[in-house]
């Protein structure tokens, strides 16, 4: 059976537990399209960011 040689210090224990505080990403509803998107990110479907057209969506060939 594996047994630790030394006691884990509070600092190392805190480093390990820091991932427990990570929360799920938040989403906001887009004003124009009504779809969910990450805040401060470009809407990938429309290419809009803060009311401006940032990039043009490529035509999807079907």
PDB file of N, CA and C in Angstrom:
ATOM      1  N   UNK A   1       0.836  -1.174   0.000  1.00  0.00           N
ATOM      2  CA  UNK A   1       0.000   0.000   0.000  1.00  0.00           C
ATOM      3  C   UNK A   1       0.884   1.242   0.000  1.00  0.00           C
ATOM      4  N   UNK A   2       0.533   2.228  -0.819  1.00  0.00           N
ATOM      5  CA  UNK A   2       1.319   3.452  -0.910  1.00  0.00           C
ATOM      6  C   UNK A   2       0.984   4.369   0.257  1.00  0.00           C
ATOM      7  N   UNK A   3       2.042   4.809   0.937  1.00  0.00           N
ATOM      8  CA  UNK A   3       1.893   5.702   2.079  1.00  0.00           C
ATOM      9  C   UNK A   3       2.766   6.927   1.835  1.00  0.00           C
ATOM     10  N   UNK A   4       2.237   8.150   2.025  1.00  0.00           N
ATOM     11  CA  UNK A   4       3.063   9.331   1.822  1.00  0.00           C
ATOM     12  C   UNK A   4       4.218   9.391   2.822  1.00  0.00           C
ATOM     13  N   UNK A   5       5.362   9.840   2.338  1.00  0.00           N
ATOM     14  CA  UNK A   5       6.531   9.938   3.204  1.00  0.00           C
ATOM     15  C   UNK A   5       6.439  11.162   4.109  1.00  0.00           C
ATOM     16  N   UNK A   6       5.875  12.239   3.601  1.00  0.00           N
ATOM     17  CA  UNK A   6       5.750  13.473   4.368  1.00  0.00           C
ATOM     18  C   UNK A   6       4.304  13.974   4.353  1.00  0.00           C
ATOM     19  N   UNK A   7       3.977  14.765   5.364  1.00  0.00           N
ATOM     20  CA  UNK A   7       2.651  15.377   5.426  1.00  0.00           C
ATOM     21  C   UNK A   7       2.540  16.451   4.339  1.00  0.00           C
ATOM     22  N   UNK A   8       1.386  16.507   3.684  1.00  0.00           N
ATOM     23  CA  UNK A   8       1.157  17.514   2.656  1.00  0.00           C
ATOM     24  C   UNK A   8       0.993  18.873   3.329  1.00  0.00           C
ATOM     25  N   UNK A   9       1.766  19.852   2.862  1.00  0.00           N
ATOM     26  CA  UNK A   9       1.713  21.184   3.461  1.00  0.00           C
ATOM     27  C   UNK A   9       0.399  21.869   3.091  1.00  0.00           C
ATOM     28  N   UNK A  10      -0.037  22.837   3.886  1.00  0.00           N
ATOM     29  CA  UNK A  10      -1.283  23.553   3.558  1.00  0.00           C
ATOM     30  C   UNK A  10      -1.236  24.245   2.196  1.00  0.00           C
ATOM     31  N   UNK A  11      -0.062  24.711   1.786  1.00  0.00           N
ATOM     32  CA  UNK A  11       0.052  25.371   0.495  1.00  0.00           C
ATOM     33  C   UNK A  11      -0.198  24.378  -0.637  1.00  0.00           C
ATOM     34  N   UNK A  12       0.432  23.206  -0.574  1.00  0.00           N
ATOM     35  CA  UNK A  12       0.229  22.194  -1.615  1.00  0.00           C
ATOM     36  C   UNK A  12      -1.208  21.687  -1.617  1.00  0.00           C
ATOM     37  N   UNK A  13      -1.786  21.567  -0.427  1.00  0.00           N
ATOM     38  CA  UNK A  13      -3.166  21.143  -0.330  1.00  0.00           C
ATOM     39  C   UNK A  13      -4.088  22.184  -0.973  1.00  0.00           C
ATOM     40  N   UNK A  14      -3.772  23.457  -0.773  1.00  0.00           N
ATOM     41  CA  UNK A  14      -4.565  24.523  -1.383  1.00  0.00           C
ATOM     42  C   UNK A  14      -4.427  24.548  -2.889  1.00  0.00           C
ATOM     43  N   UNK A  15      -3.209  24.297  -3.406  1.00  0.00           N
ATOM     44  CA  UNK A  15      -3.013  24.214  -4.858  1.00  0.00           C
ATOM     45  C   UNK A  15      -3.886  23.124  -5.456  1.00  0.00           C
ATOM     46  N   UNK A  16      -3.965  21.991  -4.779  1.00  0.00           N
ATOM     47  CA  UNK A  16      -4.746  20.874  -5.285  1.00  0.00           C
ATOM     48  C   UNK A  16      -6.234  21.195  -5.258  1.00  0.00           C
ATOM     49  N   UNK A  17      -6.666  21.883  -4.221  1.00  0.00           N
ATOM     50  CA  UNK A  17      -8.094  22.164  -4.064  1.00  0.00           C
ATOM     51  C   UNK A  17      -8.547  23.399  -4.839  1.00  0.00           C
ATOM     52  N   UNK A  18      -7.633  24.112  -5.473  1.00  0.00           N
ATOM     53  CA  UNK A  18      -8.018  25.336  -6.167  1.00  0.00           C
ATOM     54  C   UNK A  18      -8.949  25.051  -7.342  1.00  0.00           C
ATOM     55  N   UNK A  19      -8.851  23.870  -7.925  1.00  0.00           N
ATOM     56  CA  UNK A  19      -9.719  23.520  -9.053  1.00  0.00           C
ATOM     57  C   UNK A  19     -11.154  23.289  -8.601  1.00  0.00           C
ATOM     58  N   UNK A  20     -11.380  23.089  -7.311  1.00  0.00           N
ATOM     59  CA  UNK A  20     -12.736  22.885  -6.820  1.00  0.00           C
ATOM     60  C   UNK A  20     -13.573  24.151  -6.942  1.00  0.00           C
ATOM     61  N   UNK A  21     -12.919  25.318  -6.950  1.00  0.00           N
ATOM     62  CA  UNK A  21     -13.634  26.590  -7.000  1.00  0.00           C
ATOM     63  C   UNK A  21     -13.991  26.999  -8.425  1.00  0.00           C
ATOM     64  N   UNK A  22     -13.514  26.273  -9.429  1.00  0.00           N
ATOM     65  CA  UNK A  22     -13.799  26.621 -10.817  1.00  0.00           C
ATOM     66  C   UNK A  22     -15.281  26.402 -11.080  1.00  0.00           C
ATOM     67  N   UNK A  23     -15.923  27.438 -11.631  1.00  0.00           N
ATOM     68  CA  UNK A  23     -17.352  27.363 -11.886  1.00  0.00           C
ATOM     69  C   UNK A  23     -17.608  27.084 -13.355  1.00  0.00           C
ATOM     70  N   UNK A  24     -18.804  26.672 -13.650  1.00  0.00           N
ATOM     71  CA  UNK A  24     -19.214  26.433 -15.038  1.00  0.00           C
ATOM     72  C   UNK A  24     -19.252  27.779 -15.769  1.00  0.00           C
ATOM     73  N   UNK A  25     -18.927  27.793 -17.065  1.00  0.00           N
ATOM     74  CA  UNK A  25     -18.934  29.054 -17.799  1.00  0.00           C
ATOM     75  C   UNK A  25     -20.336  29.654 -17.878  1.00  0.00           C
ATOM     76  N   UNK A  26     -20.383  30.994 -17.832  1.00  0.00           N
ATOM     77  CA  UNK A  26     -21.671  31.675 -17.891  1.00  0.00           C
ATOM     78  C   UNK A  26     -22.022  31.992 -19.334  1.00  0.00           C
ATOM     79  N   UNK A  27     -23.294  32.082 -19.599  1.00  0.00           N
ATOM     80  CA  UNK A  27     -23.787  32.404 -20.927  1.00  0.00           C
ATOM     81  C   UNK A  27     -24.810  33.518 -20.802  1.00  0.00           C
ATOM     82  N   UNK A  28     -24.857  34.371 -21.816  1.00  0.00           N
ATOM     83  CA  UNK A  28     -25.854  35.433 -21.865  1.00  0.00           C
ATOM     84  C   UNK A  28     -26.654  35.272 -23.148  1.00  0.00           C
ATOM     85  N   UNK A  29     -27.868  35.792 -23.128  1.00  0.00           N
ATOM     86  CA  UNK A  29     -28.711  35.725 -24.318  1.00  0.00           C
ATOM     87  C   UNK A  29     -28.356  36.886 -25.238  1.00  0.00           C
ATOM     88  N   UNK A  30     -28.107  36.578 -26.494  1.00  0.00           N
ATOM     89  CA  UNK A  30     -27.759  37.594 -27.478  1.00  0.00           C
ATOM     90  C   UNK A  30     -28.972  38.472 -27.764  1.00  0.00           C
ATOM     91  N   UNK A  31     -28.751  39.799 -27.835  1.00  0.00           N
ATOM     92  CA  UNK A  31     -29.872  40.719 -28.042  1.00  0.00           C
ATOM     93  C   UNK A  31     -30.485  40.571 -29.432  1.00  0.00           C
ATOM     94  N   UNK A  32     -29.652  40.329 -30.450  1.00  0.00           N
ATOM     95  CA  UNK A  32     -30.153  40.271 -31.819  1.00  0.00           C
ATOM     96  C   UNK A  32     -30.746  38.911 -32.168  1.00  0.00           C
ATOM     97  N   UNK A  33     -29.960  37.853 -31.960  1.00  0.00           N
ATOM     98  CA  UNK A  33     -30.405  36.532 -32.391  1.00  0.00           C
ATOM     99  C   UNK A  33     -31.179  35.775 -31.314  1.00  0.00           C
ATOM    100  N   UNK A  34     -30.992  36.148 -30.046  1.00  0.00           N
ATOM    101  CA  UNK A  34     -31.688  35.456 -28.971  1.00  0.00           C
ATOM    102  C   UNK A  34     -31.034  34.159 -28.552  1.00  0.00           C
ATOM    103  N   UNK A  35     -29.879  33.825 -29.140  1.00  0.00           N
ATOM    104  CA  UNK A  35     -29.188  32.590 -28.783  1.00  0.00           C
ATOM    105  C   UNK A  35     -28.201  32.849 -27.651  1.00  0.00           C
ATOM    106  N   UNK A  36     -27.798  31.784 -26.993  1.00  0.00           N
ATOM    107  CA  UNK A  36     -26.845  31.901 -25.911  1.00  0.00           C
ATOM    108  C   UNK A  36     -25.429  32.015 -26.455  1.00  0.00           C
ATOM    109  N   UNK A  37     -24.639  32.880 -25.813  1.00  0.00           N
ATOM    110  CA  UNK A  37     -23.233  33.028 -26.177  1.00  0.00           C
ATOM    111  C   UNK A  37     -22.468  33.433 -24.930  1.00  0.00           C
ATOM    112  N   UNK A  38     -21.140  33.280 -24.972  1.00  0.00           N
ATOM    113  CA  UNK A  38     -20.302  33.687 -23.855  1.00  0.00           C
ATOM    114  C   UNK A  38     -20.199  35.209 -23.821  1.00  0.00           C
ATOM    115  N   UNK A  39     -20.175  35.821 -22.633  1.00  0.00           N
ATOM    116  CA  UNK A  39     -20.017  37.272 -22.584  1.00  0.00           C
ATOM    117  C   UNK A  39     -18.636  37.687 -23.075  1.00  0.00           C
ATOM    118  N   UNK A  40     -18.549  38.816 -23.762  1.00  0.00           N
ATOM    119  CA  UNK A  40     -17.311  39.367 -24.314  1.00  0.00           C
ATOM    120  C   UNK A  40     -16.704  38.474 -25.388  1.00  0.00           C
ATOM    121  N   UNK A  41     -17.529  37.682 -26.063  1.00  0.00           N
ATOM    122  CA  UNK A  41     -17.066  36.833 -27.153  1.00  0.00           C
ATOM    123  C   UNK A  41     -17.873  37.137 -28.411  1.00  0.00           C
ATOM    124  N   UNK A  42     -17.292  36.834 -29.546  1.00  0.00           N
ATOM    125  CA  UNK A  42     -17.959  37.038 -30.826  1.00  0.00           C
ATOM    126  C   UNK A  42     -19.038  35.978 -30.995  1.00  0.00           C
ATOM    127  N   UNK A  43     -20.199  36.376 -31.516  1.00  0.00           N
ATOM    128  CA  UNK A  43     -21.247  35.417 -31.851  1.00  0.00           C
ATOM    129  C   UNK A  43     -20.814  34.713 -33.135  1.00  0.00           C
ATOM    130  N   UNK A  44     -20.517  33.431 -33.054  1.00  0.00           N
ATOM    131  CA  UNK A  44     -19.944  32.704 -34.181  1.00  0.00           C
ATOM    132  C   UNK A  44     -20.937  32.499 -35.319  1.00  0.00           C
ATOM    133  N   UNK A  45     -22.221  32.490 -35.030  1.00  0.00           N
ATOM    134  CA  UNK A  45     -23.194  32.266 -36.097  1.00  0.00           C
ATOM    135  C   UNK A  45     -23.398  33.508 -36.952  1.00  0.00           C
ATOM    136  N   UNK A  46     -23.406  34.687 -36.306  1.00  0.00           N
ATOM    137  CA  UNK A  46     -23.651  35.914 -37.059  1.00  0.00           C
ATOM    138  C   UNK A  46     -22.384  36.705 -37.320  1.00  0.00           C
ATOM    139  N   UNK A  47     -21.330  36.502 -36.527  1.00  0.00           N
ATOM    140  CA  UNK A  47     -20.090  37.261 -36.692  1.00  0.00           C
ATOM    141  C   UNK A  47     -20.151  38.652 -36.093  1.00  0.00           C
ATOM    142  N   UNK A  48     -21.107  38.888 -35.211  1.00  0.00           N
ATOM    143  CA  UNK A  48     -21.282  40.207 -34.605  1.00  0.00           C
ATOM    144  C   UNK A  48     -20.600  40.254 -33.242  1.00  0.00           C
ATOM    145  N   UNK A  49     -20.051  41.434 -32.909  1.00  0.00           N
ATOM    146  CA  UNK A  49     -19.490  41.677 -31.589  1.00  0.00           C
ATOM    147  C   UNK A  49     -19.753  43.135 -31.229  1.00  0.00           C
ATOM    148  N   UNK A  50     -20.456  43.361 -30.142  1.00  0.00           N
ATOM    149  CA  UNK A  50     -20.815  44.698 -29.660  1.00  0.00           C
ATOM    150  C   UNK A  50     -21.485  45.537 -30.743  1.00  0.00           C
ATOM    151  N   UNK A  51     -22.385  44.921 -31.497  1.00  0.00           N
ATOM    152  CA  UNK A  51     -23.154  45.641 -32.497  1.00  0.00           C
ATOM    153  C   UNK A  51     -22.439  45.883 -33.810  1.00  0.00           C
ATOM    154  N   UNK A  52     -21.225  45.341 -33.981  1.00  0.00           N
ATOM    155  CA  UNK A  52     -20.476  45.518 -35.222  1.00  0.00           C
ATOM    156  C   UNK A  52     -20.240  44.166 -35.878  1.00  0.00           C
ATOM    157  N   UNK A  53     -20.167  44.171 -37.200  1.00  0.00           N
ATOM    158  CA  UNK A  53     -19.848  42.957 -37.946  1.00  0.00           C
ATOM    159  C   UNK A  53     -18.336  42.769 -37.914  1.00  0.00           C
ATOM    160  N   UNK A  54     -17.870  41.736 -37.217  1.00  0.00           N
ATOM    161  CA  UNK A  54     -16.436  41.507 -37.055  1.00  0.00           C
ATOM    162  C   UNK A  54     -15.899  40.645 -38.185  1.00  0.00           C
ATOM    163  N   UNK A  55     -16.610  39.603 -38.550  1.00  0.00           N
ATOM    164  CA  UNK A  55     -16.190  38.769 -39.670  1.00  0.00           C
ATOM    165  C   UNK A  55     -17.415  38.289 -40.414  1.00  0.00           C
ATOM    166  N   UNK A  56     -17.193  37.937 -41.679  1.00  0.00           N
ATOM    167  CA  UNK A  56     -18.282  37.470 -42.526  1.00  0.00           C
ATOM    168  C   UNK A  56     -18.331  35.957 -42.461  1.00  0.00           C
ATOM    169  N   UNK A  57     -19.526  35.415 -42.277  1.00  0.00           N
ATOM    170  CA  UNK A  57     -19.698  33.972 -42.196  1.00  0.00           C
ATOM    171  C   UNK A  57     -19.465  33.348 -43.578  1.00  0.00           C
ATOM    172  N   UNK A  58     -18.701  32.273 -43.633  1.00  0.00           N
ATOM    173  CA  UNK A  58     -18.466  31.583 -44.905  1.00  0.00           C
ATOM    174  C   UNK A  58     -19.745  30.890 -45.346  1.00  0.00           C
ATOM    175  N   UNK A  59     -19.927  30.804 -46.660  1.00  0.00           N
ATOM    176  CA  UNK A  59     -21.103  30.118 -47.195  1.00  0.00           C
ATOM    177  C   UNK A  59     -20.933  28.622 -47.001  1.00  0.00           C
ATOM    178  N   UNK A  60     -21.948  27.984 -46.468  1.00  0.00           N
ATOM    179  CA  UNK A  60     -21.904  26.547 -46.203  1.00  0.00           C
ATOM    180  C   UNK A  60     -22.420  25.829 -47.444  1.00  0.00           C
ATOM    181  N   UNK A  61     -21.580  24.953 -48.015  1.00  0.00           N
ATOM    182  CA  UNK A  61     -21.990  24.185 -49.183  1.00  0.00           C
ATOM    183  C   UNK A  61     -22.724  22.936 -48.739  1.00  0.00           C
ATOM    184  N   UNK A  62     -23.872  22.705 -49.341  1.00  0.00           N
ATOM    185  CA  UNK A  62     -24.667  21.523 -48.964  1.00  0.00           C
ATOM    186  C   UNK A  62     -24.833  20.599 -50.122  1.00  0.00           C
TER     187      UNK A  62
END
